Amino acid sequence: MSTTTTSQTPESEGPGRPGRLIQNESTTEIPVHLLFRDDPAPVSAPLRPTIVGRRQGTGEQPRLGRPMSAKPRSSPRADSQLDERPARVLPAAVGVLAGACGAAGCVATSWWAGVLPPLAAAALRLPVYAGAGLGPEQWAAYAGAGALGLFGFGGLTRGRTGRAWVLGMFGRYRGTVRRTGLMWVNPLLLRRRVDVRLRHWRSEEVPAADGNGVALRVVVLVVWQVRDTARAVLGIEDHETYLRECVEAALARVAVEAPGASRGSVDAAAEALTRLTAADAAPIGVEVFSVQPVRVEYAPEVAAVMHRRRIAALDAQHRATVLTSVLDSVEDTVTRLTLRGLVELDDCERKALVKDLTVAFCAGRGEPGA
C-alpha cells in the first residue's frame, strides 16, 4: 500500500509561487519609495563615502550618505615683525633743549649746595649764597639733572645719505631711521648702521662648469642693494656672506660657457645667474640687479688639455674654410673653361685638371697640396 504525501502550499505564498527550498528562508520587503528615488545629490569632491546602516525590520538597503565638504586649511599668518618700518625720532632741538635743561639743573644744584666756584657764579651773575651743603636732596637733584642732560645729549645723532640705522630694544625691532641730518633718537635703543647705497661686489675665482661638465674658474660682478634693512640685519647673521653663497649656488646650477663663447650665450648665462641669485636673496631684503661673469677660465687641472684641444679645433676649422674656398675656385675655373669652349675634356682629363688646379691653389694659399 503506497502512501502519497501532498505538500501543502502556504497561504501567504500564493498558488503560482514555488515552495521554499531552504527551511529558514525569509522574505524582506523593500519600500517602494526606495525603488523610485530621485538622483542623488552631486558629490562635490571624491571623498570617502559614508555608509549608513539599514534599519532593522524595514528592509532598507545600505545607501551612501552625503559627504561633508572639507574645510580648506587656513594658511598660517605671515610674521610681519621683520618688515621694515620707520622708527620714531624727534628733531635735534628737543635733545639740545633737554641737555641744556639738565646742565642748568646741575649748575643750580651746585649753587644751592654751595659748591659752585666763585668764578662760575660771577660769570653766571648769581648772588653769593653760602649753600645748604650736599645732602640727600642735593644728591637727588644732581641725579635727576644729570640723567636729563645725558638723556638729551646722548640721543643726538647724525643721519647720512645712503646710510640707515636699525633700532632695537631688548631684542625687539623698533624701526629703521633713513632720515639725514641731526636728530634725536632714544639713547636706550641699540643702533646698527646699514649701508643702503647701490653696491657692487667683484668675486674671487669661483668654481663652475660648462655644458659638457668641464671645470671652470669664473669671476663675477654682482650689483646689489639692501631694500629691507630689518630683514638684512635681523633676519640673517651676515647678509653679505649669504649673498656670496647665493652666487656660488647659482654658479653650481647654471652652465657657464667656456672662454671664447658667443655673446648671446654669455648674456643668457648672466640672465640665468641674475634670476637665481635674486630669488635666493629676496627673503633677506637684498635686491640683486645683475650677476655678470667678467672672466671665465679653465681650471688649472684641465687648462693645458683644453688649450691644445681648442687650438686643434681652430686649426681644423681654418683648414676646412681654406679647402672649401679652394674647391669653389677650382669648380669655377673648370666650369668657365668648359662653357667658353677653350678646352674639351673627357673624364680622365677633367680629373687631372681638377687635381692640378687644387694643388696649385693650395700651394698659393700656403697649404700643403695632397
Protein backbone atom coordinates (compact mmCIF):
# COMPACT_ATOMS: atom_id res chain seq x y z
CA MET A 1 0.00 0.00 0.00
CA SER A 2 1.55 3.20 -1.11
CA THR A 3 1.24 6.31 0.87
CA THR A 4 1.19 9.62 -1.01
CA THR A 5 2.22 12.80 0.77
CA THR A 6 0.85 16.00 -0.62
CA SER A 7 2.81 19.20 0.08
CA GLN A 8 0.62 21.97 1.12
CA THR A 9 1.37 25.43 -0.19
CA PRO A 10 1.35 28.14 2.42
CA GLU A 11 -1.45 30.57 2.08
CA SER A 12 0.91 33.56 2.00
CA GLU A 13 2.89 32.27 -0.95
CA GLY A 14 0.03 32.12 -3.40
CA PRO A 15 -0.78 29.42 -5.88
CA GLY A 16 1.80 30.38 -8.54
CA ARG A 17 4.93 30.61 -6.37
CA PRO A 18 7.08 27.51 -5.86
CA GLY A 19 7.77 26.20 -2.44
CA ARG A 20 10.77 27.26 -0.40
CA LEU A 21 13.88 25.22 -0.84
CA ILE A 22 15.50 26.34 2.39
CA GLN A 23 13.66 25.94 5.64
CA ASN A 24 14.90 29.20 7.24
CA GLU A 25 14.44 31.31 4.16
CA SER A 26 12.87 34.71 4.94
CA THR A 27 11.48 37.45 2.78
CA THR A 28 12.26 41.14 3.36
CA GLU A 29 10.03 43.81 1.96
CA ILE A 30 11.63 46.84 0.24
CA PRO A 31 9.73 50.12 0.47
CA VAL A 32 8.52 51.34 -2.88
CA HIS A 33 9.91 54.87 -2.42
CA LEU A 34 13.44 53.44 -2.39
CA LEU A 35 13.00 51.94 -5.83
CA PHE A 36 11.94 55.22 -7.44
CA ARG A 37 14.28 57.64 -5.69
CA ASP A 38 15.47 60.78 -7.39
CA ASP A 39 19.06 61.15 -8.47
CA PRO A 40 21.38 61.62 -5.53
CA ALA A 41 22.90 64.99 -4.87
CA PRO A 42 26.11 65.57 -6.84
CA VAL A 43 29.28 64.89 -4.95
CA SER A 44 31.49 67.95 -4.87
CA ALA A 45 34.73 66.08 -4.16
CA PRO A 46 35.82 62.43 -4.41
CA LEU A 47 35.71 61.84 -0.70
CA ARG A 48 35.32 58.57 1.08
CA PRO A 49 31.61 57.67 1.19
CA THR A 50 29.79 57.34 4.47
CA ILE A 51 27.83 54.10 4.81
CA VAL A 52 24.50 54.40 6.56
CA GLY A 53 23.39 51.10 8.06
CA ARG A 54 19.94 49.76 7.35
CA ARG A 55 17.26 49.81 9.96
CA GLN A 56 16.15 46.50 11.32
CA GLY A 57 12.72 45.32 10.22
CA THR A 58 12.25 47.80 7.35
CA GLY A 59 14.28 46.05 4.68
CA GLU A 60 16.01 49.29 3.72
CA GLN A 61 19.26 48.68 1.84
CA PRO A 62 22.51 50.41 2.81
CA ARG A 63 22.93 53.71 0.98
CA LEU A 64 25.60 56.30 0.54
CA GLY A 65 25.41 59.29 2.80
CA ARG A 66 26.04 62.80 1.52
CA PRO A 67 29.74 63.61 2.02
CA MET A 68 30.63 66.60 4.11
CA SER A 69 32.54 69.35 2.39
CA ALA A 70 36.13 69.60 3.54
CA LYS A 71 37.08 72.95 5.01
CA PRO A 72 40.21 74.41 3.48
CA ARG A 73 43.08 74.84 5.84
CA SER A 74 43.88 78.40 6.52
CA SER A 75 47.44 79.35 5.79
CA PRO A 76 49.47 80.44 8.77
CA ARG A 77 49.62 84.14 9.28
CA ALA A 78 52.77 85.67 7.96
CA ASP A 79 55.11 87.09 10.54
CA SER A 80 55.49 90.78 9.73
CA GLN A 81 57.74 91.71 12.65
CA LEU A 82 60.79 91.80 10.36
CA ASP A 83 59.25 94.07 7.74
CA GLU A 84 60.99 97.41 7.64
CA ARG A 85 59.06 100.29 9.16
CA PRO A 86 60.10 103.85 10.07
CA ALA A 87 61.28 104.47 13.61
CA ARG A 88 60.11 107.30 15.82
CA VAL A 89 62.67 110.08 16.06
CA LEU A 90 62.49 113.67 17.26
CA PRO A 91 64.11 116.85 16.00
CA ALA A 92 67.55 117.63 17.32
CA ALA A 93 66.21 120.73 19.10
CA VAL A 94 64.40 118.51 21.59
CA GLY A 95 67.63 116.77 22.59
CA VAL A 96 69.53 120.02 22.82
CA LEU A 97 66.83 121.57 24.97
CA ALA A 98 66.73 118.56 27.30
CA GLY A 99 70.51 118.52 27.59
CA ALA A 100 70.63 122.24 28.31
CA CYS A 101 67.97 121.87 30.99
CA GLY A 102 69.97 119.08 32.60
CA ALA A 103 73.16 121.14 32.59
CA ALA A 104 71.30 124.14 34.03
CA GLY A 105 69.85 121.90 36.74
CA CYS A 106 73.34 120.69 37.71
CA VAL A 107 74.58 124.28 37.94
CA ALA A 108 71.56 125.33 40.02
CA THR A 109 72.04 122.36 42.34
CA SER A 110 75.70 123.24 42.81
CA TRP A 111 74.80 126.83 43.67
CA TRP A 112 72.13 125.53 46.05
CA ALA A 113 74.61 123.24 47.76
CA GLY A 114 77.22 126.00 47.91
CA VAL A 115 79.83 124.09 45.89
CA LEU A 116 79.69 126.31 42.81
CA PRO A 117 83.08 128.02 42.25
CA PRO A 118 83.03 131.80 42.78
CA LEU A 119 84.31 132.48 39.29
CA ALA A 120 81.49 130.42 37.77
CA ALA A 121 78.93 132.17 39.97
CA ALA A 122 80.31 135.56 38.94
CA ALA A 123 80.25 134.56 35.26
CA LEU A 124 76.64 133.45 35.59
CA ARG A 125 75.80 136.54 37.64
CA LEU A 126 74.43 134.53 40.52
CA PRO A 127 74.17 136.07 44.00
CA VAL A 128 76.50 134.86 46.69
CA TYR A 129 74.92 132.00 48.63
CA ALA A 130 76.54 130.09 51.46
CA GLY A 131 74.71 126.90 50.48
CA ALA A 132 72.97 124.17 52.38
CA GLY A 133 75.62 121.53 51.80
CA LEU A 134 75.46 118.25 49.97
CA GLY A 135 72.54 116.44 51.46
CA PRO A 136 70.16 113.79 50.15
CA GLU A 137 68.05 116.41 48.45
CA GLN A 138 71.03 117.87 46.62
CA TRP A 139 72.23 114.45 45.51
CA ALA A 140 68.74 113.61 44.22
CA ALA A 141 68.68 116.88 42.28
CA TYR A 142 72.12 116.10 40.86
CA ALA A 143 70.92 112.65 39.74
CA GLY A 144 67.79 113.99 38.07
CA ALA A 145 69.54 116.84 36.30
CA GLY A 146 72.44 114.63 35.22
CA ALA A 147 70.11 111.97 33.87
CA LEU A 148 68.17 114.60 31.92
CA GLY A 149 71.37 116.04 30.45
CA LEU A 150 72.76 112.64 29.47
CA PHE A 151 69.45 111.57 28.04
CA GLY A 152 69.20 114.76 25.97
CA PHE A 153 72.75 114.98 24.64
CA GLY A 154 73.24 111.22 24.39
CA GLY A 155 70.35 110.83 21.95
CA LEU A 156 71.73 113.28 19.41
CA THR A 157 72.87 111.55 16.23
CA ARG A 158 73.52 112.39 12.61
CA GLY A 159 71.96 110.60 9.67
CA ARG A 160 73.93 110.35 6.45
CA THR A 161 72.80 109.88 2.88
CA GLY A 162 72.99 106.23 1.85
CA ARG A 163 73.14 105.01 5.46
CA ALA A 164 70.36 103.81 7.73
CA TRP A 165 70.03 102.97 11.43
CA VAL A 166 68.28 99.79 12.53
CA LEU A 167 66.97 100.30 16.07
CA GLY A 168 66.18 97.65 18.64
CA MET A 169 65.50 97.35 22.33
CA PHE A 170 65.71 94.19 24.42
CA GLY A 171 65.95 92.07 21.29
CA ARG A 172 62.89 93.57 19.61
CA TYR A 173 62.91 95.51 16.36
CA ARG A 174 61.85 99.13 16.86
CA GLY A 175 62.17 100.57 13.36
CA THR A 176 64.61 101.96 10.81
CA VAL A 177 65.86 105.53 10.52
CA ARG A 178 66.59 106.67 6.96
CA ARG A 179 66.49 110.41 7.68
CA THR A 180 69.52 112.62 7.14
CA GLY A 181 70.85 115.43 9.27
CA LEU A 182 70.92 115.93 13.04
CA MET A 183 68.13 114.26 15.01
CA TRP A 184 67.36 112.82 18.42
CA VAL A 185 67.00 109.08 18.93
CA ASN A 186 66.27 107.35 22.19
CA PRO A 187 69.73 106.59 23.62
CA LEU A 188 68.45 103.38 25.21
CA LEU A 189 67.90 101.83 21.77
CA LEU A 190 70.56 99.64 20.18
CA ARG A 191 71.69 101.10 16.85
CA ARG A 192 73.06 99.16 13.88
CA ARG A 193 74.27 101.02 10.83
CA VAL A 194 73.41 99.61 7.40
CA ASP A 195 74.70 100.75 4.01
CA VAL A 196 71.68 101.12 1.69
CA ARG A 197 73.56 102.52 -1.30
CA LEU A 198 73.86 100.72 -4.63
CA ARG A 199 76.87 98.45 -4.24
CA HIS A 200 78.86 96.09 -6.41
CA TRP A 201 81.00 93.14 -5.47
CA ARG A 202 83.70 91.53 -7.61
CA SER A 203 84.13 87.95 -6.51
CA GLU A 204 87.20 85.83 -6.36
CA GLU A 205 87.58 82.85 -8.68
CA VAL A 206 84.53 80.65 -8.11
CA PRO A 207 84.39 77.03 -9.37
CA ALA A 208 81.86 76.38 -12.14
CA ALA A 209 81.33 74.10 -15.14
CA ASP A 210 80.25 74.45 -18.76
CA GLY A 211 77.57 72.48 -20.58
CA ASN A 212 79.91 69.50 -21.06
CA GLY A 213 80.96 69.36 -17.41
CA VAL A 214 84.44 70.85 -17.96
CA ALA A 215 85.73 72.57 -14.81
CA LEU A 216 85.98 76.36 -14.99
CA ARG A 217 87.01 79.25 -12.79
CA VAL A 218 84.66 82.25 -13.02
CA VAL A 219 84.91 85.79 -11.67
CA VAL A 220 81.53 87.54 -11.46
CA LEU A 221 80.46 91.11 -10.82
CA VAL A 222 77.36 91.42 -8.63
CA VAL A 223 75.36 94.67 -8.42
CA TRP A 224 73.04 94.71 -5.42
CA GLN A 225 71.35 96.91 -2.83
CA VAL A 226 69.73 96.49 0.58
CA ARG A 227 65.99 97.13 0.29
CA ASP A 228 64.66 95.85 3.62
CA THR A 229 67.09 96.76 6.40
CA ALA A 230 65.20 94.81 9.06
CA ARG A 231 65.48 91.51 7.19
CA ALA A 232 69.05 92.16 6.10
CA VAL A 233 70.26 92.86 9.65
CA LEU A 234 67.94 90.84 11.88
CA GLY A 235 66.80 88.09 9.53
CA ILE A 236 70.30 86.69 8.98
CA GLU A 237 73.66 86.87 10.68
CA ASP A 238 75.60 88.38 7.74
CA HIS A 239 73.76 89.29 4.55
CA GLU A 240 76.97 89.88 2.57
CA THR A 241 78.24 86.36 3.29
CA TYR A 242 74.82 84.97 2.41
CA LEU A 243 74.89 86.83 -0.91
CA ARG A 244 78.28 85.29 -1.77
CA GLU A 245 76.91 81.84 -1.03
CA CYS A 246 73.87 82.52 -3.21
CA VAL A 247 76.16 83.42 -6.11
CA GLU A 248 78.16 80.23 -5.64
CA ALA A 249 74.95 78.18 -5.51
CA ALA A 250 73.72 79.80 -8.74
CA LEU A 251 77.02 79.06 -10.49
CA ALA A 252 76.66 75.42 -9.46
CA ARG A 253 73.24 75.25 -11.16
CA VAL A 254 73.93 77.27 -14.34
CA ALA A 255 76.20 76.08 -17.14
CA VAL A 256 78.68 78.87 -17.91
CA GLU A 257 80.01 78.99 -21.43
CA ALA A 258 83.68 78.24 -21.97
CA PRO A 259 86.16 81.00 -22.91
CA GLY A 260 85.60 82.32 -26.41
CA ALA A 261 81.85 81.65 -26.49
CA SER A 262 79.41 83.86 -28.37
CA ARG A 263 77.97 86.99 -26.83
CA GLY A 264 74.44 85.60 -26.86
CA SER A 265 75.34 82.54 -24.79
CA VAL A 266 77.20 84.71 -22.28
CA ASP A 267 74.17 87.01 -21.90
CA ALA A 268 71.88 84.00 -21.42
CA ALA A 269 74.12 82.63 -18.67
CA ALA A 270 74.25 86.05 -16.98
CA GLU A 271 70.46 86.35 -17.09
CA ALA A 272 70.01 82.91 -15.52
CA LEU A 273 72.56 83.72 -12.79
CA THR A 274 70.81 87.01 -12.02
CA ARG A 275 67.39 85.37 -11.80
CA LEU A 276 68.51 82.58 -9.46
CA THR A 277 70.58 84.84 -7.20
CA ALA A 278 67.79 87.43 -6.94
CA ALA A 279 65.27 84.74 -5.98
CA ASP A 280 67.57 83.36 -3.26
CA ALA A 281 68.46 86.80 -1.84
CA ALA A 282 64.94 88.26 -1.83
CA PRO A 283 63.89 86.74 1.55
CA ILE A 284 66.64 88.64 3.37
CA GLY A 285 65.74 92.04 1.89
CA VAL A 286 68.58 92.20 -0.66
CA GLU A 287 67.78 93.14 -4.26
CA VAL A 288 70.15 91.82 -6.91
CA PHE A 289 70.26 93.74 -10.19
CA SER A 290 72.82 91.77 -12.18
CA VAL A 291 75.30 88.92 -11.89
CA GLN A 292 77.69 89.22 -14.81
CA PRO A 293 80.66 86.89 -15.47
CA VAL A 294 83.65 89.13 -16.19
CA ARG A 295 86.33 86.46 -16.55
CA VAL A 296 85.99 82.78 -17.42
CA GLU A 297 88.99 80.47 -17.43
CA TYR A 298 89.56 76.75 -17.43
CA ALA A 299 90.51 75.12 -14.17
CA PRO A 300 94.28 74.56 -13.74
CA GLU A 301 93.94 70.78 -13.94
CA VAL A 302 92.32 70.90 -17.41
CA ALA A 303 93.69 74.19 -18.77
CA ALA A 304 96.57 72.64 -20.78
CA VAL A 305 94.42 69.91 -22.34
CA MET A 306 91.59 72.29 -23.24
CA HIS A 307 94.09 74.76 -24.71
CA ARG A 308 95.54 72.12 -27.05
CA ARG A 309 92.05 70.95 -27.98
CA ARG A 310 90.95 74.48 -28.74
CA ILE A 311 93.99 75.11 -30.93
CA ALA A 312 93.32 71.87 -32.79
CA ALA A 313 89.68 72.84 -33.31
CA LEU A 314 90.64 76.26 -34.63
CA ASP A 315 93.21 74.72 -36.95
CA ALA A 316 90.67 72.21 -38.27
CA GLN A 317 88.15 74.97 -38.79
CA HIS A 318 90.72 77.04 -40.67
CA ARG A 319 91.67 74.11 -42.89
CA ALA A 320 88.02 73.39 -43.66
CA THR A 321 87.48 77.02 -44.62
CA VAL A 322 90.54 77.07 -46.89
CA LEU A 323 89.61 73.79 -48.53
CA THR A 324 86.08 74.99 -49.22
CA SER A 325 87.45 78.15 -50.82
CA VAL A 326 89.91 76.17 -52.97
CA LEU A 327 87.23 73.77 -54.18
CA ASP A 328 84.93 76.65 -55.08
CA SER A 329 87.75 78.27 -57.07
CA VAL A 330 88.58 75.03 -58.90
CA GLU A 331 84.95 74.39 -59.74
CA ASP A 332 84.51 77.92 -61.03
CA THR A 333 87.66 77.67 -63.19
CA VAL A 334 86.77 74.34 -64.77
CA THR A 335 83.19 75.45 -65.43
CA ARG A 336 84.25 78.67 -67.13
CA LEU A 337 86.84 76.87 -69.31
CA THR A 338 84.25 74.33 -70.41
CA LEU A 339 81.47 76.81 -71.07
CA ARG A 340 83.67 79.09 -73.18
CA GLY A 341 84.87 76.19 -75.31
CA LEU A 342 88.53 76.77 -74.62
CA VAL A 343 89.15 73.10 -73.85
CA GLU A 344 87.34 69.85 -74.48
CA LEU A 345 87.91 67.39 -71.67
CA ASP A 346 86.89 63.83 -71.07
CA ASP A 347 86.55 62.35 -67.60
CA CYS A 348 90.22 61.47 -67.17
CA GLU A 349 91.44 64.84 -68.38
CA ARG A 350 88.86 66.61 -66.17
CA LYS A 351 90.06 64.74 -63.07
CA ALA A 352 93.71 65.52 -63.89
CA LEU A 353 92.89 69.23 -64.37
CA VAL A 354 90.97 69.38 -61.12
CA LYS A 355 93.87 67.76 -59.27
CA ASP A 356 96.46 70.14 -60.74
CA LEU A 357 94.34 73.20 -60.03
CA THR A 358 93.70 72.07 -56.44
CA VAL A 359 97.43 71.59 -55.80
CA ALA A 360 98.24 74.97 -57.36
CA PHE A 361 95.58 76.86 -55.38
CA CYS A 362 96.54 75.17 -52.09
CA ALA A 363 100.22 75.96 -52.68
CA GLY A 364 99.32 79.55 -53.44
CA ARG A 365 97.41 79.80 -50.14
CA GLY A 366 100.27 78.36 -48.13
CA GLU A 367 98.60 74.97 -47.59
CA PRO A 368 100.27 71.64 -48.38
CA GLY A 369 98.78 70.14 -51.52
CA ALA A 370 97.92 66.49 -51.46
